[in-house]
Amino acid sequence: MRIVYNEQELKTYMIEAVQASADHPILIDKFLKDAIEIDVDAICDGTTVVLGGIMQHIEEAGIHSGDSACVLPAHGLTPAMLTEIKEATRAMALELGVIGLMNVQYAVKDHTLYIIEVNPRASRTVPFVSKATGVPLAKLATKVMAGMTLQELEFTEEVTIDHYAVKEAVFPFDRFDNVDTLLGPEMKSTGEVMGIDHDLGLAFAKSQYGAGQPIPSGGTILISVRDNDKEAILPVARDLESYGFAIVGTKGTAAFLQDNGVKCTRVYKISEGRPHLLDKIHDEDIQWIINTSMGTRTKDDSFIIRRAALKYHLPYTTTITGAVAMAQAIASLRKQELEVKSVQEYF
């Protein structure tokens, strides 16, 4: 599976796909760029539908749901969109005759709701939602499947929470040579962690620490993004500059940031001479790497940057939305320290 952006990438993928499996069809879908992905878990007893939780992915739609960080409750949707999501979920559960758990994946783009897929079963997010809300969804669903109603179980309304829970994926990239850390539609994660706090930035920070990725408190940030992401990274770069970080970037990114009033020092790519970005990483002059790429080649500079981040145990971000969340975590950590509470204390 691959997201392709032009005809040449499509031709390259088709050649690879035919080599791998010449006798099977190729399914081509139109990709919703820059859409927000939403996960919903619900329980239905055939008559009543109760939502366990509505989760908003941090990474944009197109990143496999198992690899994307997500936030409960959804924090970036309008009340009208939340209402539409709830109504659509209830309607599908009743129409499909679901008895037990159901998971729906949606995409939201330009105030329009799209259905990605509906699964009349438990999903990997159920344990996360249960721990975040204090509701044992799997236990309740099992009793529903055994014949009990949600009315009998006294679970007839969605639970609202006044804190944030962030699910983050854990990846095995550092255990394999030449594996790209760039996220896409194929799942690569092998585990999950959860961060929970009353502040969204702190909840995200806790999830990053749990996943083994530290949050930088100062130093220098390397930014190297594809052309389509330059406008989107600008607010993040401005925020980071205001926090006191030094910013370096590859030629195109550095020029764009400089033209838009962000102080950014150009650093050479590996092919442009020395000292280049790998030298700076090796000398511990870089504390965080933001790098986005089309991901069509595995030997270009972007791939080498991402592998260097693994080798030198540097925090790295390969999506703009991930960079926004990381910047929000940095902002929250500048205002207050992390506090530890048991999960039970949140309910």
C-alpha atoms as a PDB file:
ATOM      1  CA  MET A   1       0.000   0.000   0.000  1.00  0.00           C
ATOM      2  CA  ARG A   2       1.305   3.450  -0.868  1.00  0.00           C
ATOM      3  CA  ILE A   3       0.196   7.057  -1.234  1.00  0.00           C
ATOM      4  CA  VAL A   4       1.339   8.378  -4.618  1.00  0.00           C
ATOM      5  CA  TYR A   5       1.363  12.027  -5.637  1.00  0.00           C
ATOM      6  CA  ASN A   6       2.089  11.936  -9.373  1.00  0.00           C
ATOM      7  CA  GLU A   7       2.034   9.681 -12.423  1.00  0.00           C
ATOM      8  CA  GLN A   8       5.669   8.631 -12.121  1.00  0.00           C
ATOM      9  CA  GLU A   9       5.174   7.418  -8.536  1.00  0.00           C
ATOM     10  CA  LEU A  10       2.097   5.495  -9.681  1.00  0.00           C
ATOM     11  CA  LYS A  11       4.058   3.809 -12.493  1.00  0.00           C
ATOM     12  CA  THR A  12       6.870   2.895 -10.088  1.00  0.00           C
ATOM     13  CA  TYR A  13       4.448   1.376  -7.607  1.00  0.00           C
ATOM     14  CA  MET A  14       2.600  -0.553 -10.303  1.00  0.00           C
ATOM     15  CA  ILE A  15       5.869  -2.149 -11.430  1.00  0.00           C
ATOM     16  CA  GLU A  16       6.672  -3.161  -7.846  1.00  0.00           C
ATOM     17  CA  ALA A  17       3.138  -4.453  -7.229  1.00  0.00           C
ATOM     18  CA  VAL A  18       3.152  -6.607 -10.348  1.00  0.00           C
ATOM     19  CA  GLN A  19       6.488  -8.095  -9.346  1.00  0.00           C
ATOM     20  CA  ALA A  20       5.104  -8.944  -5.915  1.00  0.00           C
ATOM     21  CA  SER A  21       1.750 -10.316  -7.057  1.00  0.00           C
ATOM     22  CA  ALA A  22       0.915 -10.325 -10.748  1.00  0.00           C
ATOM     23  CA  ASP A  23      -2.418 -12.159 -10.386  1.00  0.00           C
ATOM     24  CA  HIS A  24      -4.167  -9.806  -7.956  1.00  0.00           C
ATOM     25  CA  PRO A  25      -6.044  -6.557  -8.719  1.00  0.00           C
ATOM     26  CA  ILE A  26      -4.844  -3.118  -7.677  1.00  0.00           C
ATOM     27  CA  LEU A  27      -7.317  -0.911  -5.818  1.00  0.00           C
ATOM     28  CA  ILE A  28      -6.868   2.834  -6.376  1.00  0.00           C
ATOM     29  CA  ASP A  29      -8.588   5.337  -4.071  1.00  0.00           C
ATOM     30  CA  LYS A  30      -8.612   9.118  -4.135  1.00  0.00           C
ATOM     31  CA  PHE A  31      -6.635  10.473  -1.193  1.00  0.00           C
ATOM     32  CA  LEU A  32      -8.068  13.155   1.122  1.00  0.00           C
ATOM     33  CA  LYS A  33      -5.085  15.417   1.763  1.00  0.00           C
ATOM     34  CA  ASP A  34      -4.861  17.282   5.077  1.00  0.00           C
ATOM     35  CA  ALA A  35      -7.998  15.643   6.474  1.00  0.00           C
ATOM     36  CA  ILE A  36      -8.506  14.999  10.186  1.00  0.00           C
ATOM     37  CA  GLU A  37      -9.052  11.361  11.075  1.00  0.00           C
ATOM     38  CA  ILE A  38     -11.509  10.394  13.802  1.00  0.00           C
ATOM     39  CA  ASP A  39     -11.905   7.057  15.594  1.00  0.00           C
ATOM     40  CA  VAL A  40     -15.159   6.160  17.372  1.00  0.00           C
ATOM     41  CA  ASP A  41     -15.829   3.171  19.609  1.00  0.00           C
ATOM     42  CA  ALA A  42     -19.437   2.361  20.468  1.00  0.00           C
ATOM     43  CA  ILE A  43     -21.600  -0.392  21.982  1.00  0.00           C
ATOM     44  CA  CYS A  44     -24.975  -1.407  20.522  1.00  0.00           C
ATOM     45  CA  ASP A  45     -27.510  -3.872  21.912  1.00  0.00           C
ATOM     46  CA  GLY A  46     -29.727  -3.750  18.837  1.00  0.00           C
ATOM     47  CA  THR A  47     -31.881  -0.950  20.216  1.00  0.00           C
ATOM     48  CA  THR A  48     -29.617   1.437  22.094  1.00  0.00           C
ATOM     49  CA  VAL A  49     -26.252   2.782  20.949  1.00  0.00           C
ATOM     50  CA  VAL A  50     -23.798   4.377  23.373  1.00  0.00           C
ATOM     51  CA  LEU A  51     -20.513   5.906  22.273  1.00  0.00           C
ATOM     52  CA  GLY A  52     -17.493   4.924  24.331  1.00  0.00           C
ATOM     53  CA  GLY A  53     -15.442   7.828  23.005  1.00  0.00           C
ATOM     54  CA  ILE A  54     -14.605  10.026  20.026  1.00  0.00           C
ATOM     55  CA  MET A  55     -10.857  10.187  19.378  1.00  0.00           C
ATOM     56  CA  GLN A  56      -9.100  12.721  17.169  1.00  0.00           C
ATOM     57  CA  HIS A  57      -5.904  11.575  15.487  1.00  0.00           C
ATOM     58  CA  ILE A  58      -2.892  13.859  15.722  1.00  0.00           C
ATOM     59  CA  GLU A  59      -1.437  12.660  12.429  1.00  0.00           C
ATOM     60  CA  GLU A  60      -3.520  13.441   9.365  1.00  0.00           C
ATOM     61  CA  ALA A  61      -5.702  10.898   7.605  1.00  0.00           C
ATOM     62  CA  GLY A  62      -3.547   8.588   5.516  1.00  0.00           C
ATOM     63  CA  ILE A  63      -1.346   7.521   8.418  1.00  0.00           C
ATOM     64  CA  HIS A  64      -2.428   4.061   9.584  1.00  0.00           C
ATOM     65  CA  SER A  65      -4.669   4.404  12.635  1.00  0.00           C
ATOM     66  CA  GLY A  66      -2.410   2.026  14.565  1.00  0.00           C
ATOM     67  CA  ASP A  67       0.566   4.328  13.981  1.00  0.00           C
ATOM     68  CA  SER A  68      -1.153   7.623  14.673  1.00  0.00           C
ATOM     69  CA  ALA A  69      -1.285   9.289  18.056  1.00  0.00           C
ATOM     70  CA  CYS A  70      -4.833  10.203  19.045  1.00  0.00           C
ATOM     71  CA  VAL A  71      -6.540  12.349  21.654  1.00  0.00           C
ATOM     72  CA  LEU A  72      -9.633  11.656  23.730  1.00  0.00           C
ATOM     73  CA  PRO A  73     -11.823  13.680  23.783  1.00  0.00           C
ATOM     74  CA  ALA A  74     -11.664  15.149  20.282  1.00  0.00           C
ATOM     75  CA  HIS A  75     -10.463  18.725  20.724  1.00  0.00           C
ATOM     76  CA  GLY A  76     -10.490  20.320  17.271  1.00  0.00           C
ATOM     77  CA  LEU A  77     -14.027  19.679  16.020  1.00  0.00           C
ATOM     78  CA  THR A  78     -17.062  21.948  16.108  1.00  0.00           C
ATOM     79  CA  PRO A  79     -20.100  20.980  18.224  1.00  0.00           C
ATOM     80  CA  ALA A  80     -22.060  20.524  14.986  1.00  0.00           C
ATOM     81  CA  MET A  81     -19.474  18.070  13.610  1.00  0.00           C
ATOM     82  CA  LEU A  82     -19.426  16.126  16.890  1.00  0.00           C
ATOM     83  CA  THR A  83     -23.203  15.853  16.724  1.00  0.00           C
ATOM     84  CA  GLU A  84     -23.042  14.616  13.131  1.00  0.00           C
ATOM     85  CA  ILE A  85     -20.455  11.986  14.089  1.00  0.00           C
ATOM     86  CA  LYS A  86     -22.627  10.736  16.956  1.00  0.00           C
ATOM     87  CA  GLU A  87     -25.752  10.570  14.811  1.00  0.00           C
ATOM     88  CA  ALA A  88     -23.944   8.782  11.960  1.00  0.00           C
ATOM     89  CA  THR A  89     -22.440   6.227  14.363  1.00  0.00           C
ATOM     90  CA  ARG A  90     -25.798   5.437  15.955  1.00  0.00           C
ATOM     91  CA  ALA A  91     -27.502   5.138  12.573  1.00  0.00           C
ATOM     92  CA  MET A  92     -24.889   2.717  11.198  1.00  0.00           C
ATOM     93  CA  ALA A  93     -24.865   0.555  14.336  1.00  0.00           C
ATOM     94  CA  LEU A  94     -28.639   0.125  14.232  1.00  0.00           C
ATOM     95  CA  GLU A  95     -28.759  -0.400  10.458  1.00  0.00           C
ATOM     96  CA  LEU A  96     -26.029  -3.065  10.639  1.00  0.00           C
ATOM     97  CA  GLY A  97     -27.695  -4.787  13.572  1.00  0.00           C
ATOM     98  CA  VAL A  98     -24.548  -4.674  15.699  1.00  0.00           C
ATOM     99  CA  ILE A  99     -24.695  -6.523  19.010  1.00  0.00           C
ATOM    100  CA  GLY A 100     -21.591  -5.610  20.979  1.00  0.00           C
ATOM    101  CA  LEU A 101     -18.726  -3.313  20.043  1.00  0.00           C
ATOM    102  CA  MET A 102     -18.318  -1.326  16.845  1.00  0.00           C
ATOM    103  CA  ASN A 103     -15.500   0.903  15.587  1.00  0.00           C
ATOM    104  CA  VAL A 104     -15.868   3.613  12.953  1.00  0.00           C
ATOM    105  CA  GLN A 105     -13.066   5.556  11.308  1.00  0.00           C
ATOM    106  CA  TYR A 106     -14.037   8.927   9.853  1.00  0.00           C
ATOM    107  CA  ALA A 107     -12.216  11.699   8.014  1.00  0.00           C
ATOM    108  CA  VAL A 108     -13.165  15.372   8.304  1.00  0.00           C
ATOM    109  CA  LYS A 109     -12.157  17.772   5.551  1.00  0.00           C
ATOM    110  CA  ASP A 110     -13.573  21.215   4.790  1.00  0.00           C
ATOM    111  CA  HIS A 111     -16.417  20.663   7.295  1.00  0.00           C
ATOM    112  CA  THR A 112     -17.488  17.490   5.469  1.00  0.00           C
ATOM    113  CA  LEU A 113     -17.639  14.102   7.201  1.00  0.00           C
ATOM    114  CA  TYR A 114     -16.384  11.041   5.302  1.00  0.00           C
ATOM    115  CA  ILE A 115     -16.604   7.402   6.383  1.00  0.00           C
ATOM    116  CA  ILE A 116     -13.335   5.511   5.959  1.00  0.00           C
ATOM    117  CA  GLU A 117     -14.471   2.156   7.331  1.00  0.00           C
ATOM    118  CA  VAL A 118     -16.883   0.548   9.779  1.00  0.00           C
ATOM    119  CA  ASN A 119     -15.907  -2.539  11.790  1.00  0.00           C
ATOM    120  CA  PRO A 120     -18.620  -4.383  13.798  1.00  0.00           C
ATOM    121  CA  ARG A 121     -16.082  -5.622  16.329  1.00  0.00           C
ATOM    122  CA  ALA A 122     -13.695  -4.493  19.034  1.00  0.00           C
ATOM    123  CA  SER A 123     -10.742  -2.371  17.931  1.00  0.00           C
ATOM    124  CA  ARG A 124      -7.283  -1.732  19.316  1.00  0.00           C
ATOM    125  CA  THR A 125      -8.529   1.541  20.796  1.00  0.00           C
ATOM    126  CA  VAL A 126     -10.989  -0.107  23.205  1.00  0.00           C
ATOM    127  CA  PRO A 127      -8.452  -0.637  26.035  1.00  0.00           C
ATOM    128  CA  PHE A 128      -7.281   2.966  25.624  1.00  0.00           C
ATOM    129  CA  VAL A 129     -10.820   4.383  25.744  1.00  0.00           C
ATOM    130  CA  SER A 130     -11.676   2.205  28.729  1.00  0.00           C
ATOM    131  CA  LYS A 131      -8.641   3.337  30.688  1.00  0.00           C
ATOM    132  CA  ALA A 132      -9.181   6.985  29.719  1.00  0.00           C
ATOM    133  CA  THR A 133     -12.873   7.045  30.711  1.00  0.00           C
ATOM    134  CA  GLY A 134     -13.047   4.438  33.456  1.00  0.00           C
ATOM    135  CA  VAL A 135     -15.706   2.465  31.547  1.00  0.00           C
ATOM    136  CA  PRO A 136     -14.989  -1.286  31.013  1.00  0.00           C
ATOM    137  CA  LEU A 137     -16.188  -1.388  27.407  1.00  0.00           C
ATOM    138  CA  ALA A 138     -15.075  -4.959  26.684  1.00  0.00           C
ATOM    139  CA  LYS A 139     -16.848  -6.297  29.775  1.00  0.00           C
ATOM    140  CA  LEU A 140     -20.049  -4.420  28.962  1.00  0.00           C
ATOM    141  CA  ALA A 141     -19.960  -5.523  25.321  1.00  0.00           C
ATOM    142  CA  THR A 142     -19.490  -9.155  26.352  1.00  0.00           C
ATOM    143  CA  LYS A 143     -22.589  -8.992  28.542  1.00  0.00           C
ATOM    144  CA  VAL A 144     -24.535  -7.393  25.687  1.00  0.00           C
ATOM    145  CA  MET A 145     -23.461 -10.221  23.370  1.00  0.00           C
ATOM    146  CA  ALA A 146     -24.670 -12.665  26.037  1.00  0.00           C
ATOM    147  CA  GLY A 147     -28.151 -11.144  25.922  1.00  0.00           C
ATOM    148  CA  MET A 148     -28.218  -8.249  28.380  1.00  0.00           C
ATOM    149  CA  THR A 149     -29.354  -4.771  27.354  1.00  0.00           C
ATOM    150  CA  LEU A 150     -27.492  -1.530  27.937  1.00  0.00           C
ATOM    151  CA  GLN A 151     -30.474  -0.386  29.994  1.00  0.00           C
ATOM    152  CA  GLU A 152     -30.010  -3.375  32.304  1.00  0.00           C
ATOM    153  CA  LEU A 153     -26.302  -2.598  32.532  1.00  0.00           C
ATOM    154  CA  GLU A 154     -27.108   1.045  33.389  1.00  0.00           C
ATOM    155  CA  PHE A 155     -24.896   2.284  30.582  1.00  0.00           C
ATOM    156  CA  THR A 156     -27.095   4.456  28.400  1.00  0.00           C
ATOM    157  CA  GLU A 157     -25.129   7.705  28.017  1.00  0.00           C
ATOM    158  CA  GLU A 158     -21.658   8.591  26.765  1.00  0.00           C
ATOM    159  CA  VAL A 159     -19.228   9.381  29.576  1.00  0.00           C
ATOM    160  CA  THR A 160     -17.731  12.865  29.467  1.00  0.00           C
ATOM    161  CA  ILE A 161     -14.297  13.523  30.963  1.00  0.00           C
ATOM    162  CA  ASP A 162     -12.584  16.742  32.041  1.00  0.00           C
ATOM    163  CA  HIS A 163      -9.048  15.562  31.227  1.00  0.00           C
ATOM    164  CA  TYR A 164      -7.147  14.560  28.091  1.00  0.00           C
ATOM    165  CA  ALA A 165      -5.774  11.140  27.243  1.00  0.00           C
ATOM    166  CA  VAL A 166      -3.267  10.706  24.420  1.00  0.00           C
ATOM    167  CA  LYS A 167      -2.508   7.333  22.828  1.00  0.00           C
ATOM    168  CA  GLU A 168       0.912   7.162  21.207  1.00  0.00           C
ATOM    169  CA  ALA A 169       2.364   4.364  19.114  1.00  0.00           C
ATOM    170  CA  VAL A 170       5.658   2.654  19.934  1.00  0.00           C
ATOM    171  CA  PHE A 171       7.859   1.680  17.001  1.00  0.00           C
ATOM    172  CA  PRO A 172      10.646  -0.903  16.621  1.00  0.00           C
ATOM    173  CA  PHE A 173      12.658   1.145  14.083  1.00  0.00           C
ATOM    174  CA  ASP A 174      15.900   1.089  16.060  1.00  0.00           C
ATOM    175  CA  ARG A 175      15.944  -2.728  15.948  1.00  0.00           C
ATOM    176  CA  PHE A 176      16.112  -2.949  12.156  1.00  0.00           C
ATOM    177  CA  ASP A 177      18.624  -1.619   9.667  1.00  0.00           C
ATOM    178  CA  ASN A 178      17.495   0.494   6.717  1.00  0.00           C
ATOM    179  CA  VAL A 179      13.862   0.740   7.825  1.00  0.00           C
ATOM    180  CA  ASP A 180      12.347   4.157   7.139  1.00  0.00           C
ATOM    181  CA  THR A 181      10.643   5.896  10.070  1.00  0.00           C
ATOM    182  CA  LEU A 182       8.328   7.784   7.715  1.00  0.00           C
ATOM    183  CA  LEU A 183       4.707   6.976   8.566  1.00  0.00           C
ATOM    184  CA  GLY A 184       2.164   5.933   5.950  1.00  0.00           C
ATOM    185  CA  PRO A 185      -0.885   3.734   5.316  1.00  0.00           C
ATOM    186  CA  GLU A 186       0.890   0.502   6.322  1.00  0.00           C
ATOM    187  CA  MET A 187       1.085  -0.145  10.059  1.00  0.00           C
ATOM    188  CA  LYS A 188       4.587  -0.244  11.544  1.00  0.00           C
ATOM    189  CA  SER A 189       4.046   0.119  15.308  1.00  0.00           C
ATOM    190  CA  THR A 190       4.372  -2.750  17.757  1.00  0.00           C
ATOM    191  CA  GLY A 191       2.907  -1.220  20.906  1.00  0.00           C
ATOM    192  CA  GLU A 192       1.124   1.718  22.518  1.00  0.00           C
ATOM    193  CA  VAL A 193       1.425   3.992  25.548  1.00  0.00           C
ATOM    194  CA  MET A 194      -0.933   6.533  27.097  1.00  0.00           C
ATOM    195  CA  GLY A 195      -0.368   9.985  28.551  1.00  0.00           C
ATOM    196  CA  ILE A 196      -3.106  11.563  30.679  1.00  0.00           C
ATOM    197  CA  ASP A 197      -3.416  15.069  32.126  1.00  0.00           C
ATOM    198  CA  HIS A 198      -5.843  17.958  32.475  1.00  0.00           C
ATOM    199  CA  ASP A 199      -3.634  19.925  30.053  1.00  0.00           C
ATOM    200  CA  LEU A 200      -3.480  18.653  26.472  1.00  0.00           C
ATOM    201  CA  GLY A 201       0.161  19.632  25.966  1.00  0.00           C
ATOM    202  CA  LEU A 202       1.226  17.832  29.137  1.00  0.00           C
ATOM    203  CA  ALA A 203      -0.810  14.752  28.201  1.00  0.00           C
ATOM    204  CA  PHE A 204       1.005  14.641  24.857  1.00  0.00           C
ATOM    205  CA  ALA A 205       4.364  15.158  26.592  1.00  0.00           C
ATOM    206  CA  LYS A 206       3.692  12.209  28.901  1.00  0.00           C
ATOM    207  CA  SER A 207       2.803  10.022  25.912  1.00  0.00           C
ATOM    208  CA  GLN A 208       6.106  10.935  24.252  1.00  0.00           C
ATOM    209  CA  TYR A 209       8.128  10.132  27.342  1.00  0.00           C
ATOM    210  CA  GLY A 210       6.275   6.838  27.602  1.00  0.00           C
ATOM    211  CA  ALA A 211       7.135   6.027  23.996  1.00  0.00           C
ATOM    212  CA  GLY A 212      10.814   6.760  24.627  1.00  0.00           C
ATOM    213  CA  GLN A 213      10.931  10.122  22.868  1.00  0.00           C
ATOM    214  CA  PRO A 214      12.132  12.999  25.077  1.00  0.00           C
ATOM    215  CA  ILE A 215      10.811  16.556  24.747  1.00  0.00           C
ATOM    216  CA  PRO A 216      13.592  19.094  24.024  1.00  0.00           C
ATOM    217  CA  SER A 217      13.747  22.041  26.441  1.00  0.00           C
ATOM    218  CA  GLY A 218      16.303  24.063  24.519  1.00  0.00           C
ATOM    219  CA  GLY A 219      19.057  23.945  21.915  1.00  0.00           C
ATOM    220  CA  THR A 220      18.847  23.673  18.143  1.00  0.00           C
ATOM    221  CA  ILE A 221      16.113  22.244  15.942  1.00  0.00           C
ATOM    222  CA  LEU A 222      16.733  20.946  12.424  1.00  0.00           C
ATOM    223  CA  ILE A 223      13.793  21.577  10.096  1.00  0.00           C
ATOM    224  CA  SER A 224      13.731  20.042   6.628  1.00  0.00           C
ATOM    225  CA  VAL A 225      10.291  19.749   5.044  1.00  0.00           C
ATOM    226  CA  ARG A 226       8.899  19.155   1.573  1.00  0.00           C
ATOM    227  CA  ASP A 227       7.563  22.116  -0.416  1.00  0.00           C
ATOM    228  CA  ASN A 228       3.911  21.340   0.337  1.00  0.00           C
ATOM    229  CA  ASP A 229       4.596  21.562   4.087  1.00  0.00           C
ATOM    230  CA  LYS A 230       6.528  24.830   4.204  1.00  0.00           C
ATOM    231  CA  GLU A 231       3.512  27.077   4.849  1.00  0.00           C
ATOM    232  CA  ALA A 232       2.225  24.723   7.538  1.00  0.00           C
ATOM    233  CA  ILE A 233       5.536  24.555   9.415  1.00  0.00           C
ATOM    234  CA  LEU A 234       5.898  28.343   9.560  1.00  0.00           C
ATOM    235  CA  PRO A 235       3.720  28.912  12.693  1.00  0.00           C
ATOM    236  CA  VAL A 236       5.558  26.085  14.462  1.00  0.00           C
ATOM    237  CA  ALA A 237       8.949  27.603  13.604  1.00  0.00           C
ATOM    238  CA  ARG A 238       7.820  31.008  14.859  1.00  0.00           C
ATOM    239  CA  ASP A 239       6.650  29.518  18.147  1.00  0.00           C
ATOM    240  CA  LEU A 240       9.880  27.593  18.621  1.00  0.00           C
ATOM    241  CA  GLU A 241      11.926  30.700  17.899  1.00  0.00           C
ATOM    242  CA  SER A 242       9.935  32.604  20.521  1.00  0.00           C
ATOM    243  CA  TYR A 243      10.725  29.831  23.030  1.00  0.00           C
ATOM    244  CA  GLY A 244      14.443  30.465  22.534  1.00  0.00           C
ATOM    245  CA  PHE A 245      15.327  27.583  20.217  1.00  0.00           C
ATOM    246  CA  ALA A 246      17.890  28.058  17.463  1.00  0.00           C
ATOM    247  CA  ILE A 247      16.681  26.796  14.091  1.00  0.00           C
ATOM    248  CA  VAL A 248      18.715  25.342  11.245  1.00  0.00           C
ATOM    249  CA  GLY A 249      17.312  24.086   7.975  1.00  0.00           C
ATOM    250  CA  THR A 250      18.243  22.639   4.630  1.00  0.00           C
ATOM    251  CA  LYS A 251      18.463  25.023   1.674  1.00  0.00           C
ATOM    252  CA  GLY A 252      14.832  25.296   0.613  1.00  0.00           C
ATOM    253  CA  THR A 253      13.374  25.257   4.121  1.00  0.00           C
ATOM    254  CA  ALA A 254      15.932  27.746   5.453  1.00  0.00           C
ATOM    255  CA  ALA A 255      15.269  30.172   2.576  1.00  0.00           C
ATOM    256  CA  PHE A 256      11.501  29.964   3.101  1.00  0.00           C
ATOM    257  CA  LEU A 257      11.730  30.561   6.851  1.00  0.00           C
ATOM    258  CA  GLN A 258      14.164  33.454   6.389  1.00  0.00           C
ATOM    259  CA  ASP A 259      11.881  35.058   3.800  1.00  0.00           C
ATOM    260  CA  ASN A 260       9.055  34.891   6.343  1.00  0.00           C
ATOM    261  CA  GLY A 261      10.924  36.476   9.219  1.00  0.00           C
ATOM    262  CA  VAL A 262      12.197  33.397  11.070  1.00  0.00           C
ATOM    263  CA  LYS A 263      15.890  33.343  11.899  1.00  0.00           C
ATOM    264  CA  CYS A 264      17.126  30.100  10.368  1.00  0.00           C
ATOM    265  CA  THR A 265      20.684  29.093   9.549  1.00  0.00           C
ATOM    266  CA  ARG A 266      21.221  26.972   6.482  1.00  0.00           C
ATOM    267  CA  VAL A 267      22.884  23.609   6.982  1.00  0.00           C
ATOM    268  CA  TYR A 268      24.333  21.582   4.114  1.00  0.00           C
ATOM    269  CA  LYS A 269      22.780  18.361   2.971  1.00  0.00           C
ATOM    270  CA  ILE A 270      25.157  15.425   2.781  1.00  0.00           C
ATOM    271  CA  SER A 271      25.560  15.874  -0.960  1.00  0.00           C
ATOM    272  CA  GLU A 272      26.396  19.589  -0.631  1.00  0.00           C
ATOM    273  CA  GLY A 273      29.691  19.379   1.259  1.00  0.00           C
ATOM    274  CA  ARG A 274      30.916  19.588   4.831  1.00  0.00           C
ATOM    275  CA  PRO A 275      30.174  20.354   7.559  1.00  0.00           C
ATOM    276  CA  HIS A 276      26.764  18.899   6.735  1.00  0.00           C
ATOM    277  CA  LEU A 277      23.735  17.962   8.801  1.00  0.00           C
ATOM    278  CA  LEU A 278      25.100  14.556   9.796  1.00  0.00           C
ATOM    279  CA  ASP A 279      28.190  16.255  11.222  1.00  0.00           C
ATOM    280  CA  LYS A 280      25.970  18.485  13.347  1.00  0.00           C
ATOM    281  CA  ILE A 281      23.944  15.503  14.548  1.00  0.00           C
ATOM    282  CA  HIS A 282      27.114  13.565  15.341  1.00  0.00           C
ATOM    283  CA  ASP A 283      28.528  16.548  17.268  1.00  0.00           C
ATOM    284  CA  GLU A 284      25.294  16.734  19.330  1.00  0.00           C
ATOM    285  CA  ASP A 285      24.462  20.178  17.944  1.00  0.00           C
ATOM    286  CA  ILE A 286      20.881  19.118  17.139  1.00  0.00           C
ATOM    287  CA  GLN A 287      18.224  18.434  19.807  1.00  0.00           C
ATOM    288  CA  TRP A 288      15.148  17.747  17.651  1.00  0.00           C
ATOM    289  CA  ILE A 289      14.557  16.901  13.986  1.00  0.00           C
ATOM    290  CA  ILE A 290      11.444  17.842  12.013  1.00  0.00           C
ATOM    291  CA  ASN A 291      11.545  16.155   8.624  1.00  0.00           C
ATOM    292  CA  THR A 292       8.793  15.438   6.117  1.00  0.00           C
ATOM    293  CA  SER A 293       9.236  13.731   2.787  1.00  0.00           C
ATOM    294  CA  MET A 294       7.305  12.104  -0.034  1.00  0.00           C
ATOM    295  CA  GLY A 295       9.045   8.907   0.999  1.00  0.00           C
ATOM    296  CA  THR A 296       9.473   7.524  -2.506  1.00  0.00           C
ATOM    297  CA  ARG A 297      13.194   6.828  -2.187  1.00  0.00           C
ATOM    298  CA  THR A 298      15.130   5.128   0.549  1.00  0.00           C
ATOM    299  CA  LYS A 299      18.596   6.514  -0.155  1.00  0.00           C
ATOM    300  CA  ASP A 300      17.952  10.266  -0.294  1.00  0.00           C
ATOM    301  CA  ASP A 301      19.032  12.807   2.313  1.00  0.00           C
ATOM    302  CA  SER A 302      15.665  12.749   4.080  1.00  0.00           C
ATOM    303  CA  PHE A 303      15.976   9.023   4.732  1.00  0.00           C
ATOM    304  CA  ILE A 304      19.522   9.485   6.055  1.00  0.00           C
ATOM    305  CA  ILE A 305      18.305  12.260   8.379  1.00  0.00           C
ATOM    306  CA  ARG A 306      15.609  10.039   9.847  1.00  0.00           C
ATOM    307  CA  ARG A 307      17.979   7.105  10.356  1.00  0.00           C
ATOM    308  CA  ALA A 308      20.507   9.421  12.018  1.00  0.00           C
ATOM    309  CA  ALA A 309      17.827  10.522  14.489  1.00  0.00           C
ATOM    310  CA  LEU A 310      17.421   6.875  15.505  1.00  0.00           C
ATOM    311  CA  LYS A 311      21.140   6.214  15.715  1.00  0.00           C
ATOM    312  CA  TYR A 312      21.790   9.197  17.967  1.00  0.00           C
ATOM    313  CA  HIS A 313      18.546   8.824  19.970  1.00  0.00           C
ATOM    314  CA  LEU A 314      17.186  12.210  18.938  1.00  0.00           C
ATOM    315  CA  PRO A 315      13.487  13.066  19.089  1.00  0.00           C
ATOM    316  CA  TYR A 316      12.140  13.311  15.556  1.00  0.00           C
ATOM    317  CA  THR A 317       8.853  14.184  13.885  1.00  0.00           C
ATOM    318  CA  THR A 318       7.866  13.158  10.352  1.00  0.00           C
ATOM    319  CA  THR A 319       4.489  14.932  10.097  1.00  0.00           C
ATOM    320  CA  ILE A 320       3.490  18.579  10.428  1.00  0.00           C
ATOM    321  CA  THR A 321       0.647  17.734  12.801  1.00  0.00           C
ATOM    322  CA  GLY A 322       3.095  15.823  14.983  1.00  0.00           C
ATOM    323  CA  ALA A 323       5.373  18.866  15.061  1.00  0.00           C
ATOM    324  CA  VAL A 324       2.429  21.068  16.093  1.00  0.00           C
ATOM    325  CA  ALA A 325       1.618  18.703  18.967  1.00  0.00           C
ATOM    326  CA  MET A 326       5.259  18.576  20.062  1.00  0.00           C
ATOM    327  CA  ALA A 327       5.455  22.376  20.065  1.00  0.00           C
ATOM    328  CA  GLN A 328       2.305  22.472  22.189  1.00  0.00           C
ATOM    329  CA  ALA A 329       3.918  20.040  24.635  1.00  0.00           C
ATOM    330  CA  ILE A 330       7.022  22.247  24.829  1.00  0.00           C
ATOM    331  CA  ALA A 331       4.833  25.299  25.515  1.00  0.00           C
ATOM    332  CA  SER A 332       3.003  23.495  28.335  1.00  0.00           C
ATOM    333  CA  LEU A 333       6.230  22.237  29.903  1.00  0.00           C
ATOM    334  CA  ARG A 334       7.570  25.795  29.962  1.00  0.00           C
ATOM    335  CA  LYS A 335       4.602  26.839  32.109  1.00  0.00           C
ATOM    336  CA  GLN A 336       4.349  23.933  34.540  1.00  0.00           C
ATOM    337  CA  GLU A 337       6.030  20.728  35.601  1.00  0.00           C
ATOM    338  CA  LEU A 338       4.658  17.262  35.022  1.00  0.00           C
ATOM    339  CA  GLU A 339       2.586  15.793  37.832  1.00  0.00           C
ATOM    340  CA  VAL A 340       1.920  12.120  38.399  1.00  0.00           C
ATOM    341  CA  LYS A 341      -1.461  10.784  39.474  1.00  0.00           C
ATOM    342  CA  SER A 342      -3.015   7.348  39.362  1.00  0.00           C
ATOM    343  CA  VAL A 343      -5.587   6.701  36.635  1.00  0.00           C
ATOM    344  CA  GLN A 344      -8.288   6.302  39.310  1.00  0.00           C
ATOM    345  CA  GLU A 345      -7.742   9.861  40.537  1.00  0.00           C
ATOM    346  CA  TYR A 346      -9.008  11.219  37.204  1.00  0.00           C
ATOM    347  CA  PHE A 347     -12.493   9.742  37.665  1.00  0.00           C
END
